[in-house]
PDB file of N, CA and C in Angstrom:
ATOM      1  N   ASP A   1      58.770 106.338 112.982  1.00  0.00           N
ATOM      2  CA  ASP A   1      57.860 105.129 112.354  1.00  0.00           C
ATOM      3  C   ASP A   1      58.598 103.833 112.986  1.00  0.00           C
ATOM      4  N   ILE A   2      59.918 103.508 112.971  1.00  0.00           N
ATOM      5  CA  ILE A   2      60.517 102.328 113.532  1.00  0.00           C
ATOM      6  C   ILE A   2      59.397 102.039 114.655  1.00  0.00           C
ATOM      7  N   GLU A   3      59.113 102.741 115.943  1.00  0.00           N
ATOM      8  CA  GLU A   3      58.888 102.270 117.167  1.00  0.00           C
ATOM      9  C   GLU A   3      57.323 102.059 116.812  1.00  0.00           C
ATOM     10  N   LYS A   4      56.618 102.835 116.080  1.00  0.00           N
ATOM     11  CA  LYS A   4      55.515 102.413 115.434  1.00  0.00           C
ATOM     12  C   LYS A   4      55.123 101.010 114.758  1.00  0.00           C
ATOM     13  N   PHE A   5      55.908 100.605 114.294  1.00  0.00           N
ATOM     14  CA  PHE A   5      56.050  99.487 113.306  1.00  0.00           C
ATOM     15  C   PHE A   5      56.123  98.226 114.404  1.00  0.00           C
ATOM     16  N   TRP A   6      57.230  98.437 115.300  1.00  0.00           N
ATOM     17  CA  TRP A   6      57.632  97.360 116.484  1.00  0.00           C
ATOM     18  C   TRP A   6      56.022  97.258 117.502  1.00  0.00           C
ATOM     19  N   THR A   7      55.988  98.128 117.715  1.00  0.00           N
ATOM     20  CA  THR A   7      54.440  98.036 119.263  1.00  0.00           C
ATOM     21  C   THR A   7      53.115  97.539 117.793  1.00  0.00           C
ATOM     22  N   ALA A   8      53.307  97.878 116.788  1.00  0.00           N
ATOM     23  CA  ALA A   8      52.006  97.059 116.051  1.00  0.00           C
ATOM     24  C   ALA A   8      52.264  95.927 116.156  1.00  0.00           C
ATOM     25  N   LEU A   9      53.611  95.447 115.755  1.00  0.00           N
ATOM     26  CA  LEU A   9      53.974  94.010 115.689  1.00  0.00           C
ATOM     27  C   LEU A   9      53.883  93.253 116.934  1.00  0.00           C
ATOM     28  N   VAL A  10      54.193  93.570 117.815  1.00  0.00           N
ATOM     29  CA  VAL A  10      53.999  92.966 119.411  1.00  0.00           C
ATOM     30  C   VAL A  10      52.549  93.119 119.699  1.00  0.00           C
ATOM     31  N   ASN A  11      52.078  93.994 119.279  1.00  0.00           N
ATOM     32  CA  ASN A  11      50.330  94.434 119.523  1.00  0.00           C
ATOM     33  C   ASN A  11      49.525  93.473 118.785  1.00  0.00           C
ATOM     34  N   GLY A  12      50.331  92.727 117.676  1.00  0.00           N
ATOM     35  CA  GLY A  12      49.285  91.919 116.984  1.00  0.00           C
ATOM     36  C   GLY A  12      48.138  92.593 116.515  1.00  0.00           C
ATOM     37  N   GLU A  13      48.931  93.957 115.619  1.00  0.00           N
ATOM     38  CA  GLU A  13      48.325  94.706 114.689  1.00  0.00           C
ATOM     39  C   GLU A  13      48.479  94.327 113.493  1.00  0.00           C
ATOM     40  N   LEU A  14      49.891  93.435 113.387  1.00  0.00           N
ATOM     41  CA  LEU A  14      49.997  92.980 111.948  1.00  0.00           C
ATOM     42  C   LEU A  14      49.883  91.361 111.607  1.00  0.00           C
ATOM     43  N   ILE A  15      50.482  90.594 112.629  1.00  0.00           N
ATOM     44  CA  ILE A  15      50.365  89.472 112.766  1.00  0.00           C
ATOM     45  C   ILE A  15      49.637  88.793 114.180  1.00  0.00           C
ATOM     46  N   ASN A  16      49.155  87.417 114.131  1.00  0.00           N
ATOM     47  CA  ASN A  16      48.671  86.917 115.126  1.00  0.00           C
ATOM     48  C   ASN A  16      49.556  86.783 116.070  1.00  0.00           C
ATOM     49  N   LYS A  17      49.506  86.105 117.362  1.00  0.00           N
ATOM     50  CA  LYS A  17      50.490  86.080 118.124  1.00  0.00           C
ATOM     51  C   LYS A  17      51.066  84.925 117.909  1.00  0.00           C
ATOM     52  N   GLU A  18      50.641  83.551 117.324  1.00  0.00           N
ATOM     53  CA  GLU A  18      51.197  82.309 116.915  1.00  0.00           C
ATOM     54  C   GLU A  18      52.235  82.682 116.130  1.00  0.00           C
ATOM     55  N   SER A  19      51.791  83.622 114.831  1.00  0.00           N
ATOM     56  CA  SER A  19      52.805  83.972 113.840  1.00  0.00           C
ATOM     57  C   SER A  19      54.772  84.358 114.699  1.00  0.00           C
ATOM     58  N   LEU A  20      53.902  85.278 115.205  1.00  0.00           N
ATOM     59  CA  LEU A  20      54.849  86.487 115.820  1.00  0.00           C
ATOM     60  C   LEU A  20      55.605  85.314 117.038  1.00  0.00           C
ATOM     61  N   GLU A  21      55.088  84.696 117.929  1.00  0.00           N
ATOM     62  CA  GLU A  21      55.791  83.605 118.655  1.00  0.00           C
ATOM     63  C   GLU A  21      57.073  82.891 117.264  1.00  0.00           C
ATOM     64  N   LYS A  22      56.304  82.260 116.513  1.00  0.00           N
ATOM     65  CA  LYS A  22      57.360  81.992 115.397  1.00  0.00           C
ATOM     66  C   LYS A  22      58.403  82.895 114.986  1.00  0.00           C
ATOM     67  N   MET A  23      57.915  84.069 114.254  1.00  0.00           N
ATOM     68  CA  MET A  23      59.147  84.640 114.155  1.00  0.00           C
ATOM     69  C   MET A  23      60.110  85.256 114.835  1.00  0.00           C
ATOM     70  N   PHE A  24      59.914  85.273 116.101  1.00  0.00           N
ATOM     71  CA  PHE A  24      60.652  85.484 117.058  1.00  0.00           C
ATOM     72  C   PHE A  24      61.396  84.226 117.690  1.00  0.00           C
ATOM     73  N   SER A  25      61.030  83.154 117.284  1.00  0.00           N
ATOM     74  CA  SER A  25      61.800  81.810 117.905  1.00  0.00           C
ATOM     75  C   SER A  25      62.817  81.290 116.779  1.00  0.00           C
ATOM     76  N   PRO A  26      64.009  80.667 117.310  1.00  0.00           N
ATOM     77  CA  PRO A  26      65.318  80.275 116.281  1.00  0.00           C
ATOM     78  C   PRO A  26      64.551  79.538 115.413  1.00  0.00           C
ATOM     79  N   GLN A  27      65.188  79.529 114.122  1.00  0.00           N
ATOM     80  CA  GLN A  27      64.627  78.903 113.059  1.00  0.00           C
ATOM     81  C   GLN A  27      65.914  78.173 112.051  1.00  0.00           C
ATOM     82  N   ILE A  28      67.236  78.240 112.784  1.00  0.00           N
ATOM     83  CA  ILE A  28      68.071  77.426 112.133  1.00  0.00           C
ATOM     84  C   ILE A  28      69.191  77.064 113.556  1.00  0.00           C
ATOM     85  N   ALA A  29      69.393  76.257 113.457  1.00  0.00           N
ATOM     86  CA  ALA A  29      70.355  75.588 114.125  1.00  0.00           C
ATOM     87  C   ALA A  29      71.499  76.640 115.491  1.00  0.00           C
ATOM     88  N   GLU A  30      71.730  77.262 114.770  1.00  0.00           N
ATOM     89  CA  GLU A  30      72.641  78.272 115.678  1.00  0.00           C
ATOM     90  C   GLU A  30      71.839  79.529 116.441  1.00  0.00           C
ATOM     91  N   GLY A  31      70.400  79.159 116.051  1.00  0.00           N
ATOM     92  CA  GLY A  31      69.924  80.054 116.769  1.00  0.00           C
ATOM     93  C   GLY A  31      69.810  81.341 116.839  1.00  0.00           C
ATOM     94  N   HIS A  32      70.161  82.424 115.971  1.00  0.00           N
ATOM     95  CA  HIS A  32      70.424  83.343 115.893  1.00  0.00           C
ATOM     96  C   HIS A  32      69.584  83.983 114.857  1.00  0.00           C
ATOM     97  N   TYR A  33      68.604  83.282 114.402  1.00  0.00           N
ATOM     98  CA  TYR A  33      67.750  83.693 113.239  1.00  0.00           C
ATOM     99  C   TYR A  33      66.382  83.367 113.452  1.00  0.00           C
ATOM    100  N   GLY A  34      65.023  84.153 113.253  1.00  0.00           N
ATOM    101  CA  GLY A  34      64.165  83.587 113.564  1.00  0.00           C
ATOM    102  C   GLY A  34      63.210  84.031 111.937  1.00  0.00           C
ATOM    103  N   PHE A  35      61.933  84.198 111.767  1.00  0.00           N
ATOM    104  CA  PHE A  35      61.446  84.611 110.240  1.00  0.00           C
ATOM    105  C   PHE A  35      61.665  86.064 110.174  1.00  0.00           C
ATOM    106  N   GLY A  36      62.488  86.657 109.258  1.00  0.00           N
ATOM    107  CA  GLY A  36      62.678  87.504 109.183  1.00  0.00           C
ATOM    108  C   GLY A  36      63.413  88.736 109.840  1.00  0.00           C
ATOM    109  N   VAL A  37      64.020  88.003 111.374  1.00  0.00           N
ATOM    110  CA  VAL A  37      64.415  88.799 111.903  1.00  0.00           C
ATOM    111  C   VAL A  37      65.971  88.138 112.642  1.00  0.00           C
ATOM    112  N   TRP A  38      67.062  88.805 112.746  1.00  0.00           N
ATOM    113  CA  TRP A  38      67.953  88.354 113.669  1.00  0.00           C
ATOM    114  C   TRP A  38      67.471  88.473 115.167  1.00  0.00           C
ATOM    115  N   LEU A  39      67.967  87.295 115.980  1.00  0.00           N
ATOM    116  CA  LEU A  39      67.986  87.224 117.500  1.00  0.00           C
ATOM    117  C   LEU A  39      69.045  87.437 118.574  1.00  0.00           C
ATOM    118  N   LEU A  40      69.233  88.475 118.461  1.00  0.00           N
ATOM    119  CA  LEU A  40      70.606  89.174 119.675  1.00  0.00           C
ATOM    120  C   LEU A  40      70.268  88.174 120.921  1.00  0.00           C
ATOM    121  N   ASN A  41      71.324  87.698 121.388  1.00  0.00           N
ATOM    122  CA  ASN A  41      71.307  86.905 122.530  1.00  0.00           C
ATOM    123  C   ASN A  41      70.477  85.619 122.117  1.00  0.00           C
ATOM    124  N   GLY A  42      69.934  85.226 120.995  1.00  0.00           N
ATOM    125  CA  GLY A  42      68.854  84.203 121.056  1.00  0.00           C
ATOM    126  C   GLY A  42      67.726  84.769 121.252  1.00  0.00           C
ATOM    127  N   LYS A  43      67.363  85.917 121.579  1.00  0.00           N
ATOM    128  CA  LYS A  43      66.183  86.433 122.039  1.00  0.00           C
ATOM    129  C   LYS A  43      65.211  87.535 121.747  1.00  0.00           C
ATOM    130  N   ILE A  44      66.134  88.588 120.989  1.00  0.00           N
ATOM    131  CA  ILE A  44      66.390  90.128 121.128  1.00  0.00           C
ATOM    132  C   ILE A  44      65.991  90.190 119.465  1.00  0.00           C
ATOM    133  N   PRO A  45      64.494  90.447 118.796  1.00  0.00           N
ATOM    134  CA  PRO A  45      64.212  90.343 117.397  1.00  0.00           C
ATOM    135  C   PRO A  45      65.217  91.975 117.237  1.00  0.00           C
ATOM    136  N   SER A  46      65.816  91.408 115.779  1.00  0.00           N
ATOM    137  CA  SER A  46      66.234  92.719 115.316  1.00  0.00           C
ATOM    138  C   SER A  46      66.962  92.627 113.766  1.00  0.00           C
ATOM    139  N   PHE A  47      66.258  93.840 112.907  1.00  0.00           N
ATOM    140  CA  PHE A  47      66.520  93.718 111.549  1.00  0.00           C
ATOM    141  C   PHE A  47      67.411  95.049 111.164  1.00  0.00           C
ATOM    142  N   GLN A  48      68.269  94.551 109.938  1.00  0.00           N
ATOM    143  CA  GLN A  48      69.287  96.300 109.762  1.00  0.00           C
ATOM    144  C   GLN A  48      68.990  96.073 108.271  1.00  0.00           C
ATOM    145  N   GLY A  49      69.182  97.420 107.812  1.00  0.00           N
ATOM    146  CA  GLY A  49      69.845  97.381 106.406  1.00  0.00           C
ATOM    147  C   GLY A  49      70.648  98.427 106.058  1.00  0.00           C
ATOM    148  N   CYS A  50      71.140  98.274 104.667  1.00  0.00           N
ATOM    149  CA  CYS A  50      72.081  99.456 104.543  1.00  0.00           C
ATOM    150  C   CYS A  50      71.678  99.704 102.654  1.00  0.00           C
ATOM    151  N   ASP A  51      72.364 101.189 102.209  1.00  0.00           N
ATOM    152  CA  ASP A  51      72.863 101.304 100.734  1.00  0.00           C
ATOM    153  C   ASP A  51      73.733 102.190 100.953  1.00  0.00           C
ATOM    154  N   PRO A  52      74.269 102.422 100.101  1.00  0.00           N
ATOM    155  CA  PRO A  52      75.720 103.399 100.239  1.00  0.00           C
ATOM    156  C   PRO A  52      74.966 104.785 101.052  1.00  0.00           C
ATOM    157  N   GLY A  53      75.570 105.189 101.814  1.00  0.00           N
ATOM    158  CA  GLY A  53      75.570 106.358 102.514  1.00  0.00           C
ATOM    159  C   GLY A  53      74.552 106.289 103.424  1.00  0.00           C
ATOM    160  N   VAL A  54      73.947 105.002 104.186  1.00  0.00           N
ATOM    161  CA  VAL A  54      73.065 104.929 105.022  1.00  0.00           C
ATOM    162  C   VAL A  54      73.272 103.621 105.484  1.00  0.00           C
ATOM    163  N   ASN A  55      73.262 103.411 107.083  1.00  0.00           N
ATOM    164  CA  ASN A  55      72.920 102.027 107.704  1.00  0.00           C
ATOM    165  C   ASN A  55      72.016 102.481 108.936  1.00  0.00           C
ATOM    166  N   PHE A  56      71.696 101.041 108.812  1.00  0.00           N
ATOM    167  CA  PHE A  56      70.255 101.139 110.005  1.00  0.00           C
ATOM    168  C   PHE A  56      70.245  99.777 110.446  1.00  0.00           C
ATOM    169  N   ILE A  57      69.849  99.820 112.212  1.00  0.00           N
ATOM    170  CA  ILE A  57      69.847  98.507 112.965  1.00  0.00           C
ATOM    171  C   ILE A  57      68.814  99.073 113.510  1.00  0.00           C
ATOM    172  N   THR A  58      67.599  98.085 114.252  1.00  0.00           N
ATOM    173  CA  THR A  58      66.659  98.098 115.076  1.00  0.00           C
ATOM    174  C   THR A  58      66.530  96.910 115.600  1.00  0.00           C
ATOM    175  N   SER A  59      65.989  96.815 117.466  1.00  0.00           N
ATOM    176  CA  SER A  59      65.879  95.903 118.118  1.00  0.00           C
ATOM    177  C   SER A  59      65.050  95.795 118.971  1.00  0.00           C
ATOM    178  N   TYR A  60      64.192  95.255 119.654  1.00  0.00           N
ATOM    179  CA  TYR A  60      63.048  95.413 120.734  1.00  0.00           C
ATOM    180  C   TYR A  60      63.167  94.647 121.781  1.00  0.00           C
ATOM    181  N   ASP A  61      63.618  94.873 122.974  1.00  0.00           N
ATOM    182  CA  ASP A  61      63.863  94.187 123.889  1.00  0.00           C
ATOM    183  C   ASP A  61      62.526  93.911 124.648  1.00  0.00           C
ATOM    184  N   LEU A  62      62.042  92.353 124.292  1.00  0.00           N
ATOM    185  CA  LEU A  62      60.779  92.171 124.907  1.00  0.00           C
ATOM    186  C   LEU A  62      60.513  92.717 126.386  1.00  0.00           C
ATOM    187  N   GLY A  63      61.416  92.035 126.924  1.00  0.00           N
ATOM    188  CA  GLY A  63      61.335  91.859 128.352  1.00  0.00           C
ATOM    189  C   GLY A  63      61.483  93.251 128.905  1.00  0.00           C
ATOM    190  N   LYS A  64      62.009  94.279 128.798  1.00  0.00           N
ATOM    191  CA  LYS A  64      62.516  95.586 129.063  1.00  0.00           C
ATOM    192  C   LYS A  64      61.461  96.288 128.452  1.00  0.00           C
ATOM    193  N   GLN A  65      60.680  96.199 127.187  1.00  0.00           N
ATOM    194  CA  GLN A  65      60.113  97.104 126.393  1.00  0.00           C
ATOM    195  C   GLN A  65      61.284  98.172 125.849  1.00  0.00           C
ATOM    196  N   LEU A  66      62.169  97.634 125.110  1.00  0.00           N
ATOM    197  CA  LEU A  66      62.885  98.950 125.082  1.00  0.00           C
ATOM    198  C   LEU A  66      63.266  98.673 123.384  1.00  0.00           C
ATOM    199  N   ILE A  67      63.277  99.630 122.590  1.00  0.00           N
ATOM    200  CA  ILE A  67      63.337  99.544 121.565  1.00  0.00           C
ATOM    201  C   ILE A  67      64.809 100.561 121.410  1.00  0.00           C
ATOM    202  N   VAL A  68      66.118  99.791 120.309  1.00  0.00           N
ATOM    203  CA  VAL A  68      67.145 100.705 119.976  1.00  0.00           C
ATOM    204  C   VAL A  68      67.247 100.661 118.450  1.00  0.00           C
ATOM    205  N   THR A  69      67.457 101.994 117.864  1.00  0.00           N
ATOM    206  CA  THR A  69      67.211 102.091 116.837  1.00  0.00           C
ATOM    207  C   THR A  69      68.397 103.158 116.231  1.00  0.00           C
ATOM    208  N   ILE A  70      69.166 102.829 115.390  1.00  0.00           N
ATOM    209  CA  ILE A  70      70.353 103.338 115.289  1.00  0.00           C
ATOM    210  C   ILE A  70      70.140 103.639 113.585  1.00  0.00           C
ATOM    211  N   LEU A  71      70.414 105.199 113.091  1.00  0.00           N
ATOM    212  CA  LEU A  71      70.455 105.332 112.035  1.00  0.00           C
ATOM    213  C   LEU A  71      71.951 106.022 111.510  1.00  0.00           C
ATOM    214  N   SER A  72      72.409 105.846 110.475  1.00  0.00           N
ATOM    215  CA  SER A  72      73.874 106.422 110.328  1.00  0.00           C
ATOM    216  C   SER A  72      73.702 106.792 108.977  1.00  0.00           C
ATOM    217  N   ASN A  73      74.422 108.123 108.505  1.00  0.00           N
ATOM    218  CA  ASN A  73      74.842 108.641 107.139  1.00  0.00           C
ATOM    219  C   ASN A  73      76.024 108.648 106.988  1.00  0.00           C
ATOM    220  N   VAL A  74      76.883 108.376 107.815  1.00  0.00           N
ATOM    221  CA  VAL A  74      78.551 108.030 107.739  1.00  0.00           C
ATOM    222  C   VAL A  74      78.806 107.098 107.860  1.00  0.00           C
ATOM    223  N   ASP A  75      80.018 106.576 107.340  1.00  0.00           N
ATOM    224  CA  ASP A  75      80.529 105.136 107.380  1.00  0.00           C
ATOM    225  C   ASP A  75      80.839 104.967 108.857  1.00  0.00           C
ATOM    226  N   TYR A  76      79.736 103.943 109.498  1.00  0.00           N
ATOM    227  CA  TYR A  76      80.461 103.617 110.664  1.00  0.00           C
ATOM    228  C   TYR A  76      79.616 102.167 110.859  1.00  0.00           C
ATOM    229  N   ASP A  77      80.228 101.298 111.612  1.00  0.00           N
ATOM    230  CA  ASP A  77      79.610 100.054 111.796  1.00  0.00           C
ATOM    231  C   ASP A  77      78.557 100.043 112.557  1.00  0.00           C
ATOM    232  N   VAL A  78      77.255 100.489 112.423  1.00  0.00           N
ATOM    233  CA  VAL A  78      76.265 100.643 113.380  1.00  0.00           C
ATOM    234  C   VAL A  78      75.696  99.271 114.104  1.00  0.00           C
ATOM    235  N   GLU A  79      76.212  98.245 113.570  1.00  0.00           N
ATOM    236  CA  GLU A  79      75.814  96.772 114.424  1.00  0.00           C
ATOM    237  C   GLU A  79      76.670  97.010 115.646  1.00  0.00           C
ATOM    238  N   LEU A  80      78.167  97.188 115.333  1.00  0.00           N
ATOM    239  CA  LEU A  80      78.949  97.364 116.317  1.00  0.00           C
ATOM    240  C   LEU A  80      78.478  98.344 117.278  1.00  0.00           C
ATOM    241  N   LEU A  81      78.269  99.534 117.377  1.00  0.00           N
ATOM    242  CA  LEU A  81      77.945 100.288 118.182  1.00  0.00           C
ATOM    243  C   LEU A  81      76.081  99.987 118.709  1.00  0.00           C
ATOM    244  N   HIS A  82      75.298  99.366 117.892  1.00  0.00           N
ATOM    245  CA  HIS A  82      74.111  98.565 118.451  1.00  0.00           C
ATOM    246  C   HIS A  82      74.141  97.595 119.562  1.00  0.00           C
ATOM    247  N   ASN A  83      75.088  96.851 118.983  1.00  0.00           N
ATOM    248  CA  ASN A  83      75.373  95.668 120.223  1.00  0.00           C
ATOM    249  C   ASN A  83      76.365  96.160 121.440  1.00  0.00           C
ATOM    250  N   LYS A  84      77.113  97.224 121.354  1.00  0.00           N
ATOM    251  CA  LYS A  84      77.542  97.854 122.411  1.00  0.00           C
ATOM    252  C   LYS A  84      76.437  98.302 123.537  1.00  0.00           C
ATOM    253  N   ILE A  85      75.451  99.116 122.956  1.00  0.00           N
ATOM    254  CA  ILE A  85      74.194  99.502 123.361  1.00  0.00           C
ATOM    255  C   ILE A  85      73.801  98.638 124.501  1.00  0.00           C
ATOM    256  N   ASN A  86      73.668  97.274 123.526  1.00  0.00           N
ATOM    257  CA  ASN A  86      72.526  96.358 124.247  1.00  0.00           C
ATOM    258  C   ASN A  86      73.214  95.766 125.083  1.00  0.00           C
ATOM    259  N   THR A  87      74.622  95.499 124.943  1.00  0.00           N
ATOM    260  CA  THR A  87      75.307  94.826 126.086  1.00  0.00           C
ATOM    261  C   THR A  87      75.053  95.819 127.591  1.00  0.00           C
ATOM    262  N   LEU A  88      75.433  97.060 127.268  1.00  0.00           N
ATOM    263  CA  LEU A  88      75.563  97.599 128.473  1.00  0.00           C
ATOM    264  C   LEU A  88      74.104  97.601 129.355  1.00  0.00           C
ATOM    265  N   LEU A  89      72.860  97.863 128.299  1.00  0.00           N
ATOM    266  CA  LEU A  89      71.686  97.747 128.834  1.00  0.00           C
ATOM    267  C   LEU A  89      71.323  96.356 129.410  1.00  0.00           C
ATOM    268  N   VAL A  90      71.546  95.331 128.803  1.00  0.00           N
ATOM    269  CA  VAL A  90      71.525  94.049 129.348  1.00  0.00           C
ATOM    270  C   VAL A  90      72.526  94.151 130.803  1.00  0.00           C
ATOM    271  N   SER A  91      73.143  94.036 130.954  1.00  0.00           N
ATOM    272  CA  SER A  91      74.001  94.409 132.371  1.00  0.00           C
ATOM    273  C   SER A  91      73.799  95.590 133.099  1.00  0.00           C
ATOM    274  N   ASN A  92      72.856  96.192 132.678  1.00  0.00           N
ATOM    275  CA  ASN A  92      72.308  97.628 133.521  1.00  0.00           C
ATOM    276  C   ASN A  92      71.287  96.623 134.585  1.00  0.00           C
ATOM    277  N   LYS A  93      71.544  96.655 136.101  1.00  0.00           N
ATOM    278  CA  LYS A  93      70.380  95.897 136.781  1.00  0.00           C
ATOM    279  C   LYS A  93      69.157  96.600 136.862  1.00  0.00           C
ATOM    280  N   SER A  94      69.663  97.797 136.692  1.00  0.00           N
ATOM    281  CA  SER A  94      68.255  98.800 137.171  1.00  0.00           C
ATOM    282  C   SER A  94      67.428  98.689 136.027  1.00  0.00           C
ATOM    283  N   ASN A  95      66.261  99.173 136.184  1.00  0.00           N
ATOM    284  CA  ASN A  95      65.180  99.716 134.986  1.00  0.00           C
ATOM    285  C   ASN A  95      65.667 100.616 134.341  1.00  0.00           C
ATOM    286  N   ILE A  96      65.329 100.895 133.146  1.00  0.00           N
ATOM    287  CA  ILE A  96      65.563 101.871 132.520  1.00  0.00           C
ATOM    288  C   ILE A  96      64.325 102.448 132.089  1.00  0.00           C
TER     289      ILE A  96
END
């Protein structure tokens, strides 16, 4: 479902291109937040959520067309794991 959401979003099925560009552009001085999404490294849109017993984070690297989504039903810092995975992917010079 999250992959379908990202795909529909970036393909203009949910909002137009102009709105998408604004959404994925920094909206605060520190450059880490767009409209409704966090911007990892200032450019990779992501969002997250949690409730007791569940944690979730997802991001879409537009340049690599790579979606990383982590769901957890244990007490674990999914943001930390997500950041480590993205760091590995960004440092990887080969195409994945």
